[in-house]
C-alpha cells in the first residue's frame, strides 16, 4: 500500500521508506515459492513536477502496462510449451515399456500431436494479439490470448509429466516447476473468469444492441 501527498498538500513529515517481508520472504525477492517483496511507503512527499499522468491515476497507469504485459507472459509460455514438448518427445524415445518405446504407442503419439497443434494455434493467437496492440494501442483487447495460452501450456506440460511418470513430478526435470509457474497465469493479471466475461460481453454487444 502506498499513500503519498503531493508537495505542499500534505503534512510536513520526514520521508520514510519501509521494506516489509515475512519470514518466508526474507531470503529472496523472486517469484514462487517465496513470493514478492511487500513495499510500504510512509509519508512520502512527491514534487508536483514528478507526478506522472495525474494525481490518483496510478491504477490507470498500471492498467496500461497490463495489456502488453499479458502478451509478454504468453510469449514466454509458448517457449515453455515448446520445451515441455521437446522433453516429452525425448522421454518417449528413451523409455521402453512392455517391449516398445513409448514413441511407438498410439496413445503417446496422440499426446505429442495434440501438443504441437495447440502450440501452433496459441502462437498464431499471440501474433494476432501483438498485431492488434501495435495497431490499436495497449488498451486493445488481448483477452483471448491471455485465456488460451496459459490453458494450452498447462495441457502440454501435464501431458509431458504423464509421459515422464514419477520423474515428471520431481526435481529431475523442470516440468513440475513449469506447471507451477504456468498455472499461476490463470490467476495473475486477472483470473480466467474475468477475461471470459469480458470476451463474452464483447461478442454479445452488437447482438444485444440489435435487439433493443
Protein backbone atom coordinates (compact mmCIF):
# COMPACT_ATOMS: atom_id res chain seq x y z
CA UNK A 1 0.00 0.00 0.00
CA UNK A 2 1.34 3.43 -0.90
CA UNK A 3 -0.07 6.72 0.40
CA UNK A 4 1.70 9.86 -0.82
CA UNK A 5 0.99 13.56 -0.52
CA UNK A 6 1.87 15.95 -3.29
CA UNK A 7 4.32 18.63 -2.25
CA UNK A 8 2.51 21.39 -0.40
CA UNK A 9 -0.72 19.39 0.03
CA UNK A 10 0.04 17.06 2.90
CA UNK A 11 1.58 17.18 6.35
CA UNK A 12 5.23 18.13 6.56
CA UNK A 13 6.71 14.85 7.73
CA UNK A 14 10.05 13.16 7.14
CA UNK A 15 10.40 10.64 4.31
CA UNK A 16 10.31 7.03 5.46
CA UNK A 17 10.81 4.01 3.22
CA UNK A 18 9.99 0.64 4.72
CA UNK A 19 10.53 -2.74 3.14
CA UNK A 20 8.39 -5.35 4.84
CA UNK A 21 8.96 -9.08 4.38
CA UNK A 22 7.53 -12.03 6.24
CA UNK A 23 9.68 -14.96 7.38
CA UNK A 24 9.12 -16.90 4.17
CA UNK A 25 10.31 -13.99 2.03
CA UNK A 26 13.40 -12.80 3.85
CA UNK A 27 15.90 -14.55 1.59
CA UNK A 28 14.61 -13.63 -1.84
CA UNK A 29 12.82 -11.06 -3.95
CA UNK A 30 11.87 -13.60 -6.60
CA UNK A 31 8.60 -15.32 -7.50
CA UNK A 32 7.06 -18.54 -6.17
CA UNK A 33 7.59 -20.36 -3.94
CA UNK A 34 8.97 -17.46 -1.86
CA UNK A 35 6.87 -14.63 -3.26
CA UNK A 36 7.43 -10.95 -3.93
CA UNK A 37 8.58 -8.25 -1.57
CA UNK A 38 5.92 -6.09 0.00
CA UNK A 39 6.97 -2.43 -0.12
CA UNK A 40 5.30 0.16 2.09
CA UNK A 41 5.80 3.90 1.56
CA UNK A 42 5.01 6.06 4.59
CA UNK A 43 4.79 9.86 4.50
CA UNK A 44 6.46 10.14 1.10
CA UNK A 45 6.18 13.60 -0.47
CA UNK A 46 6.21 13.78 -4.27
CA UNK A 47 7.10 17.05 -6.02
CA UNK A 48 4.34 18.12 -8.42
CA UNK A 49 6.87 18.14 -11.26
CA UNK A 50 7.48 14.42 -10.70
CA UNK A 51 3.85 13.32 -10.95
CA UNK A 52 3.14 11.05 -13.91
CA UNK A 53 -0.22 11.43 -15.72
CA UNK A 54 -2.01 12.91 -12.70
CA UNK A 55 -2.81 12.58 -9.02
CA UNK A 56 -4.88 9.50 -8.26
CA UNK A 57 -4.26 7.93 -11.68
CA UNK A 58 -1.73 5.29 -10.65
CA UNK A 59 -4.14 2.42 -11.27
CA UNK A 60 -4.77 3.75 -14.76
CA UNK A 61 -1.02 3.67 -15.45
CA UNK A 62 -0.81 0.10 -14.16
CA UNK A 63 -3.69 -1.00 -16.39
CA UNK A 64 -1.93 0.48 -19.41
CA UNK A 65 1.03 -1.75 -18.62
CA UNK A 66 -1.01 -4.92 -18.10
CA UNK A 67 -2.23 -5.19 -21.71
CA UNK A 68 1.17 -5.69 -23.35
CA UNK A 69 2.44 -7.38 -20.18
CA UNK A 70 -0.01 -10.23 -20.70
CA UNK A 71 1.37 -10.75 -24.21
CA UNK A 72 4.91 -10.99 -22.79
CA UNK A 73 3.67 -13.76 -20.47
CA UNK A 74 2.06 -15.54 -23.40
CA UNK A 75 5.25 -15.36 -25.47
CA UNK A 76 7.28 -16.88 -22.65
CA UNK A 77 4.69 -19.58 -22.06
CA UNK A 78 4.83 -20.65 -25.69
CA UNK A 79 8.56 -21.17 -25.18
CA UNK A 80 7.81 -23.22 -22.04
CA UNK A 81 5.34 -25.34 -24.00
CA UNK A 82 7.92 -25.94 -26.72
CA UNK A 83 10.48 -27.06 -24.15
CA UNK A 84 7.92 -29.33 -22.47
CA UNK A 85 7.05 -30.93 -25.80
CA UNK A 86 10.75 -31.42 -26.51
CA UNK A 87 11.16 -33.21 -23.16
CA UNK A 88 8.06 -35.30 -23.83
CA UNK A 89 9.42 -36.45 -27.20
CA UNK A 90 12.85 -37.18 -25.75
CA UNK A 91 11.33 -39.24 -22.95
CA UNK A 92 9.05 -41.15 -25.34
CA UNK A 93 12.05 -42.18 -27.44
CA UNK A 94 14.24 -43.19 -24.49
CA UNK A 95 11.66 -45.01 -22.35
CA UNK A 96 10.80 -48.61 -23.20
CA UNK A 97 7.71 -50.19 -21.63
CA UNK A 98 6.36 -53.68 -22.38
CA UNK A 99 8.89 -54.17 -25.16
CA UNK A 100 8.12 -50.93 -27.05
CA UNK A 101 9.33 -47.38 -26.96
CA UNK A 102 6.64 -45.02 -25.71
CA UNK A 103 7.05 -43.18 -29.00
CA UNK A 104 5.68 -46.23 -30.80
CA UNK A 105 2.46 -46.28 -28.80
CA UNK A 106 -0.54 -44.61 -30.40
CA UNK A 107 -1.72 -43.01 -27.17
CA UNK A 108 1.61 -41.21 -26.68
CA UNK A 109 1.74 -40.21 -30.34
CA UNK A 110 -1.68 -38.60 -29.91
CA UNK A 111 -0.41 -36.58 -26.93
CA UNK A 112 2.56 -35.35 -28.96
CA UNK A 113 0.39 -34.45 -31.96
CA UNK A 114 -2.22 -32.60 -29.86
CA UNK A 115 0.52 -30.64 -28.13
CA UNK A 116 2.04 -29.49 -31.43
CA UNK A 117 -1.38 -28.47 -32.78
CA UNK A 118 -2.27 -26.49 -29.64
CA UNK A 119 1.11 -24.73 -29.53
CA UNK A 120 0.75 -23.56 -33.13
CA UNK A 121 -2.81 -22.37 -32.53
CA UNK A 122 -1.68 -20.38 -29.49
CA UNK A 123 1.31 -18.93 -31.34
CA UNK A 124 -0.92 -17.53 -34.07
CA UNK A 125 -3.34 -16.11 -31.50
CA UNK A 126 -0.48 -14.31 -29.74
CA UNK A 127 0.83 -12.93 -33.04
CA UNK A 128 -2.64 -11.59 -33.79
CA UNK A 129 -2.92 -10.04 -30.32
CA UNK A 130 0.50 -8.40 -30.68
CA UNK A 131 -0.52 -7.01 -34.08
CA UNK A 132 -3.73 -5.58 -32.57
CA UNK A 133 -1.70 -3.87 -29.82
CA UNK A 134 0.70 -2.42 -32.40
CA UNK A 135 -2.22 -1.17 -34.49
CA UNK A 136 -4.72 -0.02 -31.85
CA UNK A 137 -2.62 0.58 -28.72
CA UNK A 138 -2.10 -1.03 -25.34
CA UNK A 139 -5.77 -0.94 -24.37
CA UNK A 140 -6.82 -3.14 -27.28
CA UNK A 141 -8.46 -6.42 -26.32
CA UNK A 142 -5.92 -9.22 -25.89
CA UNK A 143 -8.01 -11.31 -23.52
CA UNK A 144 -8.46 -14.27 -25.88
CA UNK A 145 -4.71 -14.92 -25.89
CA UNK A 146 -4.50 -14.36 -22.13
CA UNK A 147 -7.12 -17.08 -21.64
CA UNK A 148 -5.99 -19.55 -24.29
CA UNK A 149 -2.20 -19.62 -23.83
CA UNK A 150 -2.00 -20.49 -20.10
CA UNK A 151 -4.60 -23.21 -20.63
CA UNK A 152 -2.65 -24.56 -23.58
CA UNK A 153 0.69 -24.63 -21.78
CA UNK A 154 -0.85 -26.32 -18.73
CA UNK A 155 -2.22 -29.03 -21.02
CA UNK A 156 1.12 -29.57 -22.77
CA UNK A 157 3.10 -29.66 -19.52
CA UNK A 158 0.56 -32.05 -17.99
CA UNK A 159 0.96 -34.44 -20.94
CA UNK A 160 4.75 -34.23 -20.65
CA UNK A 161 4.52 -35.02 -16.94
CA UNK A 162 2.28 -38.00 -17.65
CA UNK A 163 4.73 -39.40 -20.23
CA UNK A 164 7.58 -38.98 -17.71
CA UNK A 165 5.64 -40.70 -14.93
CA UNK A 166 7.04 -40.14 -11.45
CA UNK A 167 10.09 -38.44 -12.95
CA UNK A 168 7.81 -35.67 -14.20
CA UNK A 169 6.78 -34.54 -10.73
CA UNK A 170 10.19 -34.50 -9.06
CA UNK A 171 13.23 -32.25 -9.47
CA UNK A 172 14.87 -34.50 -12.09
CA UNK A 173 13.09 -32.45 -14.77
CA UNK A 174 11.85 -28.83 -14.82
CA UNK A 175 8.28 -29.91 -15.63
CA UNK A 176 6.82 -29.57 -12.12
CA UNK A 177 8.26 -26.04 -11.82
CA UNK A 178 7.00 -25.23 -15.32
CA UNK A 179 3.50 -26.27 -14.29
CA UNK A 180 3.54 -24.28 -11.06
CA UNK A 181 4.51 -21.11 -12.91
CA UNK A 182 2.13 -21.69 -15.83
CA UNK A 183 -0.84 -22.35 -13.56
CA UNK A 184 -0.40 -19.02 -11.77
CA UNK A 185 -1.02 -17.19 -15.07
CA UNK A 186 -4.66 -18.29 -15.00
CA UNK A 187 -4.92 -16.09 -11.90
CA UNK A 188 -2.26 -13.38 -12.37
CA UNK A 189 -3.28 -10.18 -14.20
CA UNK A 190 -6.91 -11.18 -13.59
CA UNK A 191 -8.40 -14.68 -13.36
CA UNK A 192 -9.73 -16.52 -16.42
CA UNK A 193 -13.30 -15.88 -15.34
CA UNK A 194 -12.90 -12.09 -15.58
CA UNK A 195 -11.41 -12.30 -19.07
CA UNK A 196 -14.01 -14.83 -20.22
CA UNK A 197 -16.75 -12.46 -19.10
CA UNK A 198 -15.11 -9.59 -21.00
CA UNK A 199 -14.83 -11.67 -24.18
CA UNK A 200 -18.47 -12.75 -23.88
CA UNK A 201 -19.64 -9.15 -23.38
CA UNK A 202 -17.74 -8.10 -26.49
CA UNK A 203 -19.39 -10.89 -28.52
CA UNK A 204 -22.83 -10.03 -27.17
CA UNK A 205 -22.55 -6.26 -27.53
CA UNK A 206 -23.84 -5.90 -31.11
CA UNK A 207 -26.47 -8.67 -30.99
CA UNK A 208 -27.91 -7.20 -27.78
CA UNK A 209 -27.90 -3.72 -29.27
CA UNK A 210 -29.80 -5.01 -32.29
CA UNK A 211 -32.48 -6.48 -30.04
CA UNK A 212 -33.01 -3.24 -28.07
